[in-house]
């Protein structure tokens, strides 16, 4: 869905649903490297110009349980 090539209504619905569970409006973002459970990486070549996406904090709809140390 990120590349804008998805045309299937089902794929677009799944992408929007996943984004909503992350607290995002779309999947046009990546996550911080410290994200605990759901991590999206976007690799880019600086020589090709600036990034076209923004790293965004994940705000899960259903919070993960606390970890024990």
Protein backbone atom coordinates (compact mmCIF):
# COMPACT_ATOMS: atom_id res chain seq x y z
CA UNK A 1 0.00 0.00 0.00
CA UNK A 2 2.93 2.35 0.68
CA UNK A 3 4.16 2.39 -2.90
CA UNK A 4 0.69 3.37 -4.10
CA UNK A 5 0.49 0.27 -6.28
CA UNK A 6 -2.16 -1.63 -4.31
CA UNK A 7 -5.52 -1.54 -6.04
CA UNK A 8 -7.33 -4.38 -4.30
CA UNK A 9 -9.99 -3.04 -1.95
CA UNK A 10 -9.20 -5.90 0.44
CA UNK A 11 -5.47 -5.02 0.57
CA UNK A 12 -6.22 -1.34 1.10
CA UNK A 13 -8.69 -2.20 3.87
CA UNK A 14 -6.10 -4.39 5.63
CA UNK A 15 -3.45 -1.65 5.33
CA UNK A 16 -5.83 0.93 6.78
CA UNK A 17 -6.83 -1.44 9.58
CA UNK A 18 -3.19 -2.14 10.51
CA UNK A 19 -2.46 1.60 10.46
CA UNK A 20 -5.41 2.29 12.76
CA UNK A 21 -4.16 -0.29 15.29
CA UNK A 22 -0.81 1.53 15.28
CA UNK A 23 -2.53 4.86 15.90
CA UNK A 24 -1.67 6.11 12.41
CA UNK A 25 -3.80 7.46 9.57
CA UNK A 26 -1.90 5.37 6.98
CA UNK A 27 1.15 3.13 6.58
CA UNK A 28 3.15 5.99 5.03
CA UNK A 29 5.52 6.01 8.03
CA UNK A 30 8.25 3.97 9.61
CA UNK A 31 8.90 3.31 13.29
CA UNK A 32 11.68 4.24 15.66
CA UNK A 33 14.34 1.51 16.08
CA UNK A 34 13.34 1.14 19.73
CA UNK A 35 9.79 0.06 18.92
CA UNK A 36 9.11 -3.01 21.01
CA UNK A 37 6.77 -5.16 18.96
CA UNK A 38 5.93 -3.68 15.58
CA UNK A 39 8.88 -2.32 13.65
CA UNK A 40 8.75 -0.93 10.11
CA UNK A 41 12.09 -0.06 8.55
CA UNK A 42 12.53 2.24 5.58
CA UNK A 43 15.96 2.16 3.98
CA UNK A 44 16.81 5.05 1.72
CA UNK A 45 19.75 6.36 -0.23
CA UNK A 46 20.69 9.89 0.90
CA UNK A 47 22.18 10.58 -2.53
CA UNK A 48 18.68 10.30 -4.03
CA UNK A 49 17.34 13.20 -1.98
CA UNK A 50 15.32 13.58 1.20
CA UNK A 51 13.08 10.90 2.65
CA UNK A 52 9.47 11.01 1.54
CA UNK A 53 8.14 9.49 4.76
CA UNK A 54 8.26 10.52 8.41
CA UNK A 55 9.13 8.30 11.37
CA UNK A 56 6.14 8.15 13.67
CA UNK A 57 5.55 6.90 17.20
CA UNK A 58 3.36 3.82 17.55
CA UNK A 59 0.30 4.29 19.78
CA UNK A 60 -1.18 0.81 19.92
CA UNK A 61 -4.96 0.49 20.20
CA UNK A 62 -4.40 -2.49 22.50
CA UNK A 63 -1.35 -1.92 24.68
CA UNK A 64 1.23 -4.66 25.12
CA UNK A 65 1.66 -6.14 28.60
CA UNK A 66 4.54 -4.81 30.67
CA UNK A 67 7.76 -6.77 30.48
CA UNK A 68 9.26 -8.37 33.55
CA UNK A 69 12.92 -7.83 34.31
